[in-house]
Amino acid sequence: MDTVFIDESKTRGYTVAAATVSHRDIQKLRREVAKLRKSGQARVHMVKEGGEWKSRIAPLIEDVQDLSR
């Protein structure tokens, strides 16, 4: 079974984004995203991240996306 991640943004209107991850890849992707968390942080959420950290996270998210292809 695939996993679906959904998020929304109210910046400049209302946007909903969704991503599906194959059950074969979910654990590998979770490990990679976990590496993006700062010490003591439970999860990565862009709204709570500072500008410099956001600019470091974005390319890493692109790399994680490549893992699932």
Protein backbone atom coordinates (compact mmCIF):
# COMPACT_ATOMS: atom_id res chain seq x y z
CA MET A 1 0.00 0.00 0.00
CA ASP A 2 1.28 3.47 -0.84
CA THR A 3 1.52 6.30 1.68
CA VAL A 4 0.12 9.72 0.81
CA PHE A 5 1.45 12.92 2.36
CA ILE A 6 -0.73 16.03 2.05
CA ASP A 7 0.04 19.61 3.01
CA GLU A 8 -1.55 22.97 2.49
CA SER A 9 -0.41 26.57 2.23
CA LYS A 10 -2.41 29.74 2.57
CA THR A 11 0.40 31.90 1.22
CA ARG A 12 -0.76 33.72 -1.91
CA GLY A 13 -4.11 31.96 -2.02
CA TYR A 14 -4.77 28.38 -1.03
CA THR A 15 -2.63 25.51 -2.31
CA VAL A 16 -2.86 21.81 -1.51
CA ALA A 17 -0.01 19.49 -2.43
CA ALA A 18 0.13 15.71 -2.20
CA ALA A 19 2.87 13.16 -2.69
CA THR A 20 2.59 9.38 -2.81
CA VAL A 21 5.39 7.09 -1.71
CA SER A 22 5.53 3.41 -2.55
CA HIS A 23 5.51 1.04 0.40
CA ARG A 24 8.86 -0.28 -0.90
CA ASP A 25 10.48 3.14 -0.41
CA ILE A 26 8.78 4.56 2.68
CA GLN A 27 11.34 3.46 5.30
CA LYS A 28 14.29 4.59 3.17
CA LEU A 29 12.66 7.99 2.61
CA ARG A 30 11.76 8.39 6.29
CA ARG A 31 15.42 7.78 7.24
CA GLU A 32 16.63 10.36 4.74
CA VAL A 33 14.15 13.01 5.87
CA ALA A 34 15.01 12.27 9.52
CA LYS A 35 18.57 13.36 8.72
CA LEU A 36 17.19 16.86 8.01
CA ARG A 37 15.94 17.34 11.57
CA LYS A 38 17.91 19.49 13.95
CA SER A 39 18.88 18.05 17.32
CA GLY A 40 15.79 17.64 19.50
CA GLN A 41 13.43 18.37 16.63
CA ALA A 42 10.53 15.89 16.19
CA ARG A 43 9.90 16.72 12.54
CA VAL A 44 10.81 19.07 9.73
CA HIS A 45 8.17 21.69 8.98
CA MET A 46 9.14 24.50 6.65
CA VAL A 47 6.94 27.12 8.34
CA LYS A 48 9.04 26.76 11.49
CA GLU A 49 12.43 26.85 9.78
CA GLY A 50 14.62 29.92 9.34
CA GLY A 51 15.56 31.24 5.90
CA GLU A 52 19.09 29.83 5.81
CA TRP A 53 17.95 26.38 6.94
CA LYS A 54 15.11 26.39 4.40
CA SER A 55 17.60 27.04 1.61
CA ARG A 56 19.66 24.06 2.85
CA ILE A 57 16.63 21.75 3.16
CA ALA A 58 15.16 22.35 -0.32
CA PRO A 59 17.99 20.70 -2.31
CA LEU A 60 18.05 17.80 0.15
CA ILE A 61 14.33 17.22 -0.38
CA GLU A 62 15.00 17.07 -4.12
CA ASP A 63 17.65 14.41 -3.47
CA VAL A 64 15.19 12.42 -1.36
CA GLN A 65 12.66 12.57 -4.21
CA ASP A 66 15.25 11.02 -6.51
CA LEU A 67 15.55 8.02 -4.16
CA SER A 68 11.98 7.01 -4.88
CA ARG A 69 12.33 6.93 -8.67
